[in-house]
C-alpha atoms as a PDB file:
ATOM      1  CA  MET A   1      -2.113 202.265 195.745  1.00  0.00           C
ATOM      2  CA  LYS A   2       1.103 204.176 195.139  1.00  0.00           C
ATOM      3  CA  LEU A   3       2.151 203.567 198.757  1.00  0.00           C
ATOM      4  CA  PHE A   4       1.836 199.789 198.273  1.00  0.00           C
ATOM      5  CA  LYS A   5       4.053 200.037 195.185  1.00  0.00           C
ATOM      6  CA  TYR A   6       6.779 201.801 197.147  1.00  0.00           C
ATOM      7  CA  ILE A   7       6.546 199.243 199.953  1.00  0.00           C
ATOM      8  CA  PHE A   8       6.844 196.432 197.385  1.00  0.00           C
ATOM      9  CA  TRP A   9       9.835 198.090 195.696  1.00  0.00           C
ATOM     10  CA  LEU A  10      11.547 198.579 199.060  1.00  0.00           C
ATOM     11  CA  PHE A  11      11.239 194.913 200.060  1.00  0.00           C
ATOM     12  CA  TYR A  12      11.971 193.736 196.505  1.00  0.00           C
ATOM     13  CA  ARG A  13      15.261 195.623 196.508  1.00  0.00           C
ATOM     14  CA  ILE A  14      16.189 194.343 199.994  1.00  0.00           C
ATOM     15  CA  TRP A  15      15.355 190.810 198.842  1.00  0.00           C
ATOM     16  CA  PHE A  16      17.771 191.239 195.937  1.00  0.00           C
ATOM     17  CA  TYR A  17      20.667 191.987 198.294  1.00  0.00           C
ATOM     18  CA  ILE A  18      19.679 189.058 200.519  1.00  0.00           C
ATOM     19  CA  LEU A  19      19.769 186.749 197.490  1.00  0.00           C
ATOM     20  CA  ILE A  20      23.231 188.046 196.595  1.00  0.00           C
ATOM     21  CA  ALA A  21      24.502 187.249 200.085  1.00  0.00           C
ATOM     22  CA  ILE A  22      22.957 183.817 200.769  1.00  0.00           C
ATOM     23  CA  PRO A  23      24.913 181.725 198.195  1.00  0.00           C
ATOM     24  CA  ILE A  24      28.145 183.573 198.986  1.00  0.00           C
ATOM     25  CA  ILE A  25      27.782 182.761 202.686  1.00  0.00           C
ATOM     26  CA  VAL A  26      26.815 179.129 202.019  1.00  0.00           C
ATOM     27  CA  MET A  27      29.590 178.538 199.460  1.00  0.00           C
ATOM     28  CA  PHE A  28      32.187 180.795 201.076  1.00  0.00           C
ATOM     29  CA  PRO A  29      34.814 178.104 201.849  1.00  0.00           C
ATOM     30  CA  ILE A  30      34.595 176.645 198.311  1.00  0.00           C
ATOM     31  CA  LEU A  31      34.631 180.105 196.730  1.00  0.00           C
ATOM     32  CA  LEU A  32      37.654 181.041 198.801  1.00  0.00           C
ATOM     33  CA  VAL A  33      39.594 177.983 197.671  1.00  0.00           C
ATOM     34  CA  SER A  34      38.648 178.563 194.015  1.00  0.00           C
ATOM     35  CA  ILE A  35      40.314 182.000 193.953  1.00  0.00           C
ATOM     36  CA  LEU A  36      43.611 180.940 195.548  1.00  0.00           C
ATOM     37  CA  LYS A  37      45.166 180.277 192.149  1.00  0.00           C
ATOM     38  CA  GLU A  38      44.504 182.097 188.886  1.00  0.00           C
ATOM     39  CA  SER A  39      44.511 178.733 187.087  1.00  0.00           C
ATOM     40  CA  TRP A  40      41.542 177.646 189.210  1.00  0.00           C
ATOM     41  CA  TYR A  41      39.368 180.493 187.923  1.00  0.00           C
ATOM     42  CA  PRO A  42      37.182 178.218 185.704  1.00  0.00           C
ATOM     43  CA  TYR A  43      35.974 176.474 188.884  1.00  0.00           C
ATOM     44  CA  PHE A  44      35.106 179.832 190.428  1.00  0.00           C
ATOM     45  CA  PHE A  45      33.273 180.727 187.212  1.00  0.00           C
ATOM     46  CA  ARG A  46      31.049 177.642 187.508  1.00  0.00           C
ATOM     47  CA  LEU A  47      30.143 178.598 191.075  1.00  0.00           C
ATOM     48  CA  ALA A  48      29.419 182.154 189.918  1.00  0.00           C
ATOM     49  CA  ARG A  49      26.955 180.805 187.349  1.00  0.00           C
ATOM     50  CA  ILE A  50      25.132 178.860 190.095  1.00  0.00           C
ATOM     51  CA  TRP A  51      25.065 182.040 192.216  1.00  0.00           C
ATOM     52  CA  SER A  52      23.606 183.981 189.282  1.00  0.00           C
ATOM     53  CA  LYS A  53      20.857 181.458 188.547  1.00  0.00           C
ATOM     54  CA  PHE A  54      19.894 181.428 192.238  1.00  0.00           C
ATOM     55  CA  ILE A  55      19.483 185.216 192.242  1.00  0.00           C
ATOM     56  CA  LEU A  56      17.565 185.460 188.955  1.00  0.00           C
ATOM     57  CA  ILE A  57      15.155 182.667 189.885  1.00  0.00           C
ATOM     58  CA  GLY A  58      14.750 184.074 193.410  1.00  0.00           C
ATOM     59  CA  MET A  59      13.817 187.475 191.984  1.00  0.00           C
ATOM     60  CA  GLY A  60      11.170 185.905 189.758  1.00  0.00           C
ATOM     61  CA  PHE A  61      13.054 186.555 186.528  1.00  0.00           C
ATOM     62  CA  ASN A  62      12.299 184.142 183.715  1.00  0.00           C
ATOM     63  CA  TYR A  63      15.262 184.493 181.373  1.00  0.00           C
ATOM     64  CA  LEU A  64      14.909 183.520 177.716  1.00  0.00           C
ATOM     65  CA  ILE A  65      18.113 183.209 175.668  1.00  0.00           C
ATOM     66  CA  LYS A  66      18.096 183.140 171.861  1.00  0.00           C
ATOM     67  CA  ARG A  67      21.380 182.413 170.087  1.00  0.00           C
ATOM     68  CA  GLU A  68      22.345 183.121 166.494  1.00  0.00           C
ATOM     69  CA  GLU A  69      25.734 181.524 167.120  1.00  0.00           C
ATOM     70  CA  VAL A  70      27.265 179.447 169.920  1.00  0.00           C
ATOM     71  CA  PRO A  71      30.802 180.037 171.259  1.00  0.00           C
ATOM     72  CA  GLN A  72      33.234 177.148 170.865  1.00  0.00           C
ATOM     73  CA  LYS A  73      34.740 175.520 173.935  1.00  0.00           C
ATOM     74  CA  HIS A  74      38.325 176.427 174.824  1.00  0.00           C
ATOM     75  CA  LYS A  75      38.266 179.508 172.587  1.00  0.00           C
ATOM     76  CA  SER A  76      38.605 183.123 173.728  1.00  0.00           C
ATOM     77  CA  TYR A  77      36.011 185.792 172.929  1.00  0.00           C
ATOM     78  CA  MET A  78      35.148 189.374 173.777  1.00  0.00           C
ATOM     79  CA  PHE A  79      31.601 189.433 175.190  1.00  0.00           C
ATOM     80  CA  ILE A  80      29.809 192.802 175.178  1.00  0.00           C
ATOM     81  CA  ALA A  81      26.272 193.914 176.070  1.00  0.00           C
ATOM     82  CA  ASN A  82      24.198 196.976 176.874  1.00  0.00           C
ATOM     83  CA  HIS A  83      24.336 197.978 180.537  1.00  0.00           C
ATOM     84  CA  THR A  84      21.158 199.127 182.290  1.00  0.00           C
ATOM     85  CA  SER A  85      20.601 196.990 185.367  1.00  0.00           C
ATOM     86  CA  MET A  86      22.033 195.608 188.571  1.00  0.00           C
ATOM     87  CA  ALA A  87      21.157 192.180 187.172  1.00  0.00           C
ATOM     88  CA  ASP A  88      23.343 192.525 184.048  1.00  0.00           C
ATOM     89  CA  ILE A  89      26.250 190.687 185.686  1.00  0.00           C
ATOM     90  CA  MET A  90      24.052 187.739 186.655  1.00  0.00           C
ATOM     91  CA  LEU A  91      22.352 187.552 183.263  1.00  0.00           C
ATOM     92  CA  MET A  92      25.698 187.624 181.452  1.00  0.00           C
ATOM     93  CA  LEU A  93      26.965 184.761 183.621  1.00  0.00           C
ATOM     94  CA  VAL A  94      23.958 182.535 182.857  1.00  0.00           C
ATOM     95  CA  SER A  95      24.023 183.429 179.145  1.00  0.00           C
ATOM     96  CA  VAL A  96      27.656 182.439 178.557  1.00  0.00           C
ATOM     97  CA  LYS A  97      29.243 179.087 179.403  1.00  0.00           C
ATOM     98  CA  ASN A  98      32.788 179.943 178.320  1.00  0.00           C
ATOM     99  CA  PRO A  99      34.738 181.130 181.374  1.00  0.00           C
ATOM    100  CA  PHE A 100      35.278 184.873 181.113  1.00  0.00           C
ATOM    101  CA  VAL A 101      36.580 187.684 183.287  1.00  0.00           C
ATOM    102  CA  PHE A 102      34.648 190.907 183.798  1.00  0.00           C
ATOM    103  CA  VAL A 103      36.286 194.281 183.303  1.00  0.00           C
ATOM    104  CA  GLY A 104      34.350 196.547 185.626  1.00  0.00           C
ATOM    105  CA  LYS A 105      34.399 199.679 187.738  1.00  0.00           C
ATOM    106  CA  GLN A 106      36.277 199.432 191.004  1.00  0.00           C
ATOM    107  CA  GLU A 107      33.427 201.021 192.995  1.00  0.00           C
ATOM    108  CA  LEU A 108      31.635 197.643 193.064  1.00  0.00           C
ATOM    109  CA  SER A 109      34.462 196.196 195.140  1.00  0.00           C
ATOM    110  CA  LYS A 110      33.079 198.156 198.110  1.00  0.00           C
ATOM    111  CA  ILE A 111      29.888 196.045 198.266  1.00  0.00           C
ATOM    112  CA  PRO A 112      30.081 193.749 201.328  1.00  0.00           C
ATOM    113  CA  LEU A 113      30.750 190.044 200.561  1.00  0.00           C
ATOM    114  CA  PHE A 114      30.242 190.467 196.813  1.00  0.00           C
ATOM    115  CA  GLY A 115      33.071 193.002 196.664  1.00  0.00           C
ATOM    116  CA  PHE A 116      35.499 190.632 198.363  1.00  0.00           C
ATOM    117  CA  PHE A 117      35.341 188.178 195.445  1.00  0.00           C
ATOM    118  CA  TYR A 118      34.708 190.833 192.793  1.00  0.00           C
ATOM    119  CA  LYS A 119      38.039 192.577 193.317  1.00  0.00           C
ATOM    120  CA  ARG A 120      39.917 189.262 193.416  1.00  0.00           C
ATOM    121  CA  THR A 121      38.457 187.805 190.232  1.00  0.00           C
ATOM    122  CA  CYS A 122      37.600 190.767 187.986  1.00  0.00           C
ATOM    123  CA  ILE A 123      39.785 193.324 186.245  1.00  0.00           C
ATOM    124  CA  LEU A 124      39.022 196.604 187.987  1.00  0.00           C
ATOM    125  CA  VAL A 125      39.324 199.953 186.276  1.00  0.00           C
ATOM    126  CA  ASP A 126      39.312 203.536 187.498  1.00  0.00           C
ATOM    127  CA  ARG A 127      37.917 205.227 184.403  1.00  0.00           C
ATOM    128  CA  SER A 128      39.270 208.616 185.505  1.00  0.00           C
ATOM    129  CA  SER A 129      42.842 207.313 185.507  1.00  0.00           C
ATOM    130  CA  PRO A 130      44.763 206.720 182.222  1.00  0.00           C
ATOM    131  CA  LYS A 131      47.283 204.635 184.206  1.00  0.00           C
ATOM    132  CA  SER A 132      44.459 202.368 185.443  1.00  0.00           C
ATOM    133  CA  ARG A 133      43.084 201.942 181.915  1.00  0.00           C
ATOM    134  CA  GLN A 134      46.538 200.915 180.676  1.00  0.00           C
ATOM    135  CA  ALA A 135      46.819 198.378 183.499  1.00  0.00           C
ATOM    136  CA  VAL A 136      43.503 196.882 182.383  1.00  0.00           C
ATOM    137  CA  PHE A 137      44.980 196.067 178.973  1.00  0.00           C
ATOM    138  CA  LEU A 138      47.955 194.322 180.532  1.00  0.00           C
ATOM    139  CA  ARG A 139      45.824 192.222 182.903  1.00  0.00           C
ATOM    140  CA  ALA A 140      43.327 191.376 180.154  1.00  0.00           C
ATOM    141  CA  GLN A 141      46.169 190.242 177.892  1.00  0.00           C
ATOM    142  CA  ARG A 142      47.391 187.855 180.575  1.00  0.00           C
ATOM    143  CA  ARG A 143      43.909 186.372 181.027  1.00  0.00           C
ATOM    144  CA  LEU A 144      43.418 185.941 177.288  1.00  0.00           C
ATOM    145  CA  LYS A 145      46.775 184.177 176.985  1.00  0.00           C
ATOM    146  CA  SER A 146      45.623 181.730 179.672  1.00  0.00           C
ATOM    147  CA  GLY A 147      42.637 180.778 177.478  1.00  0.00           C
ATOM    148  CA  LEU A 148      39.916 182.819 179.181  1.00  0.00           C
ATOM    149  CA  SER A 149      37.517 185.285 177.565  1.00  0.00           C
ATOM    150  CA  ILE A 150      36.785 188.881 178.537  1.00  0.00           C
ATOM    151  CA  CYS A 151      33.470 190.642 179.182  1.00  0.00           C
ATOM    152  CA  ILE A 152      33.136 194.416 178.949  1.00  0.00           C
ATOM    153  CA  PHE A 153      30.053 196.652 179.016  1.00  0.00           C
ATOM    154  CA  PRO A 154      31.304 199.084 176.346  1.00  0.00           C
ATOM    155  CA  GLU A 155      29.104 202.022 177.352  1.00  0.00           C
ATOM    156  CA  GLY A 156      31.643 202.548 180.120  1.00  0.00           C
ATOM    157  CA  GLY A 157      28.990 202.760 182.827  1.00  0.00           C
ATOM    158  CA  VAL A 158      25.235 202.823 183.271  1.00  0.00           C
ATOM    159  CA  PRO A 159      23.604 205.592 181.198  1.00  0.00           C
ATOM    160  CA  GLU A 160      20.687 207.702 182.391  1.00  0.00           C
ATOM    161  CA  GLU A 161      17.404 205.816 182.123  1.00  0.00           C
ATOM    162  CA  HIS A 162      16.036 207.856 179.204  1.00  0.00           C
ATOM    163  CA  ILE A 163      19.020 206.821 177.047  1.00  0.00           C
ATOM    164  CA  VAL A 164      18.322 203.638 175.069  1.00  0.00           C
ATOM    165  CA  LEU A 165      21.993 202.928 174.353  1.00  0.00           C
ATOM    166  CA  ASP A 166      24.920 205.181 175.160  1.00  0.00           C
ATOM    167  CA  ASP A 167      28.017 205.669 172.998  1.00  0.00           C
ATOM    168  CA  PHE A 168      30.554 202.837 173.145  1.00  0.00           C
ATOM    169  CA  LYS A 169      34.136 203.242 174.320  1.00  0.00           C
ATOM    170  CA  ASP A 170      37.013 201.865 172.245  1.00  0.00           C
ATOM    171  CA  GLY A 171      38.615 199.580 174.840  1.00  0.00           C
ATOM    172  CA  ALA A 172      36.796 196.312 174.177  1.00  0.00           C
ATOM    173  CA  PHE A 173      37.215 196.595 170.425  1.00  0.00           C
ATOM    174  CA  ARG A 174      40.871 197.602 170.509  1.00  0.00           C
ATOM    175  CA  LEU A 175      41.625 194.686 172.821  1.00  0.00           C
ATOM    176  CA  ALA A 176      39.724 192.249 170.587  1.00  0.00           C
ATOM    177  CA  ILE A 177      41.586 193.454 167.503  1.00  0.00           C
ATOM    178  CA  ASN A 178      44.959 193.256 169.247  1.00  0.00           C
ATOM    179  CA  HIS A 179      44.310 189.623 170.156  1.00  0.00           C
ATOM    180  CA  GLN A 180      42.334 188.747 167.013  1.00  0.00           C
ATOM    181  CA  ILE A 181      39.424 187.307 169.007  1.00  0.00           C
ATOM    182  CA  PRO A 182      35.760 187.440 167.891  1.00  0.00           C
ATOM    183  CA  ILE A 183      33.364 189.914 169.461  1.00  0.00           C
ATOM    184  CA  VAL A 184      30.094 188.467 170.747  1.00  0.00           C
ATOM    185  CA  PRO A 185      27.367 191.144 171.032  1.00  0.00           C
ATOM    186  CA  LEU A 186      24.507 190.410 173.436  1.00  0.00           C
ATOM    187  CA  THR A 187      21.322 192.440 173.836  1.00  0.00           C
ATOM    188  CA  PHE A 188      19.537 192.546 177.201  1.00  0.00           C
ATOM    189  CA  ALA A 189      16.044 193.706 176.272  1.00  0.00           C
ATOM    190  CA  ASP A 190      14.229 193.865 179.618  1.00  0.00           C
ATOM    191  CA  ASN A 191      16.795 194.447 182.356  1.00  0.00           C
ATOM    192  CA  LYS A 192      16.026 198.142 182.743  1.00  0.00           C
ATOM    193  CA  LYS A 193      12.364 197.296 183.332  1.00  0.00           C
ATOM    194  CA  ARG A 194      13.100 194.379 185.660  1.00  0.00           C
ATOM    195  CA  LEU A 195      15.745 195.947 187.937  1.00  0.00           C
ATOM    196  CA  SER A 196      17.206 199.325 187.010  1.00  0.00           C
ATOM    197  CA  TYR A 197      19.512 201.385 189.203  1.00  0.00           C
ATOM    198  CA  THR A 198      16.516 203.467 190.323  1.00  0.00           C
ATOM    199  CA  PHE A 199      15.835 202.177 193.843  1.00  0.00           C
ATOM    200  CA  PHE A 200      12.034 202.342 193.754  1.00  0.00           C
ATOM    201  CA  SER A 201      11.495 200.281 190.607  1.00  0.00           C
ATOM    202  CA  GLY A 202      11.508 196.728 189.308  1.00  0.00           C
ATOM    203  CA  SER A 203       9.269 193.685 189.097  1.00  0.00           C
ATOM    204  CA  PRO A 204       9.407 189.943 188.360  1.00  0.00           C
ATOM    205  CA  GLY A 205       9.004 188.932 184.729  1.00  0.00           C
ATOM    206  CA  GLN A 206      10.786 187.910 181.578  1.00  0.00           C
ATOM    207  CA  MET A 207      14.373 188.794 180.717  1.00  0.00           C
ATOM    208  CA  ARG A 208      15.122 188.342 177.024  1.00  0.00           C
ATOM    209  CA  VAL A 209      18.683 187.817 175.834  1.00  0.00           C
ATOM    210  CA  LYS A 210      19.795 187.844 172.200  1.00  0.00           C
ATOM    211  CA  VAL A 211      23.235 186.435 171.425  1.00  0.00           C
ATOM    212  CA  HIS A 212      24.038 187.879 168.006  1.00  0.00           C
ATOM    213  CA  LYS A 213      26.291 186.527 165.306  1.00  0.00           C
ATOM    214  CA  PHE A 214      29.911 187.065 166.156  1.00  0.00           C
ATOM    215  CA  LEU A 215      31.968 189.871 164.670  1.00  0.00           C
ATOM    216  CA  SER A 216      35.292 188.649 163.323  1.00  0.00           C
ATOM    217  CA  THR A 217      38.445 190.658 163.999  1.00  0.00           C
ATOM    218  CA  SER A 218      40.600 188.512 161.750  1.00  0.00           C
ATOM    219  CA  GLY A 219      42.929 190.745 159.730  1.00  0.00           C
ATOM    220  CA  LEU A 220      41.676 193.962 161.365  1.00  0.00           C
ATOM    221  CA  LYS A 221      44.116 196.583 162.619  1.00  0.00           C
ATOM    222  CA  THR A 222      43.947 199.248 165.332  1.00  0.00           C
ATOM    223  CA  GLU A 223      42.708 201.839 162.826  1.00  0.00           C
ATOM    224  CA  ASP A 224      39.584 199.655 162.320  1.00  0.00           C
ATOM    225  CA  THR A 225      38.556 200.084 165.972  1.00  0.00           C
ATOM    226  CA  LYS A 226      35.953 202.805 165.434  1.00  0.00           C
ATOM    227  CA  THR A 227      34.328 200.987 162.494  1.00  0.00           C
ATOM    228  CA  LEU A 228      34.066 197.778 164.532  1.00  0.00           C
ATOM    229  CA  ARG A 229      32.737 199.695 167.533  1.00  0.00           C
ATOM    230  CA  SER A 230      30.046 201.336 165.391  1.00  0.00           C
ATOM    231  CA  GLN A 231      29.068 197.994 163.854  1.00  0.00           C
ATOM    232  CA  ALA A 232      28.639 196.354 167.254  1.00  0.00           C
ATOM    233  CA  ARG A 233      26.622 199.255 168.665  1.00  0.00           C
ATOM    234  CA  THR A 234      24.306 199.271 165.636  1.00  0.00           C
ATOM    235  CA  ILE A 235      23.536 195.570 166.116  1.00  0.00           C
ATOM    236  CA  ILE A 236      22.549 196.019 169.757  1.00  0.00           C
ATOM    237  CA  LEU A 237      20.666 199.279 169.144  1.00  0.00           C
ATOM    238  CA  LYS A 238      18.563 197.771 166.340  1.00  0.00           C
ATOM    239  CA  GLU A 239      17.612 194.844 168.566  1.00  0.00           C
ATOM    240  CA  LEU A 240      16.624 197.174 171.400  1.00  0.00           C
ATOM    241  CA  GLU A 241      14.517 199.323 169.060  1.00  0.00           C
ATOM    242  CA  LYS A 242      12.870 196.180 167.732  1.00  0.00           C
ATOM    243  CA  THR A 243      11.867 195.022 171.235  1.00  0.00           C
ATOM    244  CA  PHE A 244      10.469 198.449 172.135  1.00  0.00           C
ATOM    245  CA  LYS A 245       8.099 198.317 169.146  1.00  0.00           C
ATOM    246  CA  LYS A 246       6.551 195.039 170.303  1.00  0.00           C
END
């Protein structure tokens, strides 16, 4: 019985990478055109949402999104969520309609096909380099000024599987305060169960998303960063603990 599970997990994981590649290959010319100009990014974002839905449906994930508040059109936000799964990027894209730019680790740019577009559309960061982290702030500022939003997974990486929610880094909250944009916390309740970074794991099923009430940064200053960070983490942690009890 255990052997059959491992065989399933092997093919399930391979199928995931196939699903990532198929839409990129099919839409490659359109995707390529959409990244030629930074001002065309919203068109790329729409295609990315189609790509994400294709993957989630193809993997047998039934995503359920509950919203306490809905982002306004043409307004910038800082979207944050817990990070546990390879499907977090896709689920974030289907959960949010406002065009946003990911801030993510540069290692993902090495993935064939996906990495080609990832490094041309996302803000990449080398977390071991202070110079790289400073460059992130400058690039994010430019994107926010153009009317886009930003998405950051504030744990700064994927924590070990036994950790429910890791400590948050300051970056997302400092950036939100500097630009006086609301923070939108999202909780992904089932992604670790559905498709964690452990190769032999995962299964089709429900993916619950909770879009929490927004946290205002109006009037806040840099010294309020840690308080805001703690508030956001508490919201997501309480929701995760609530889902585990069910």
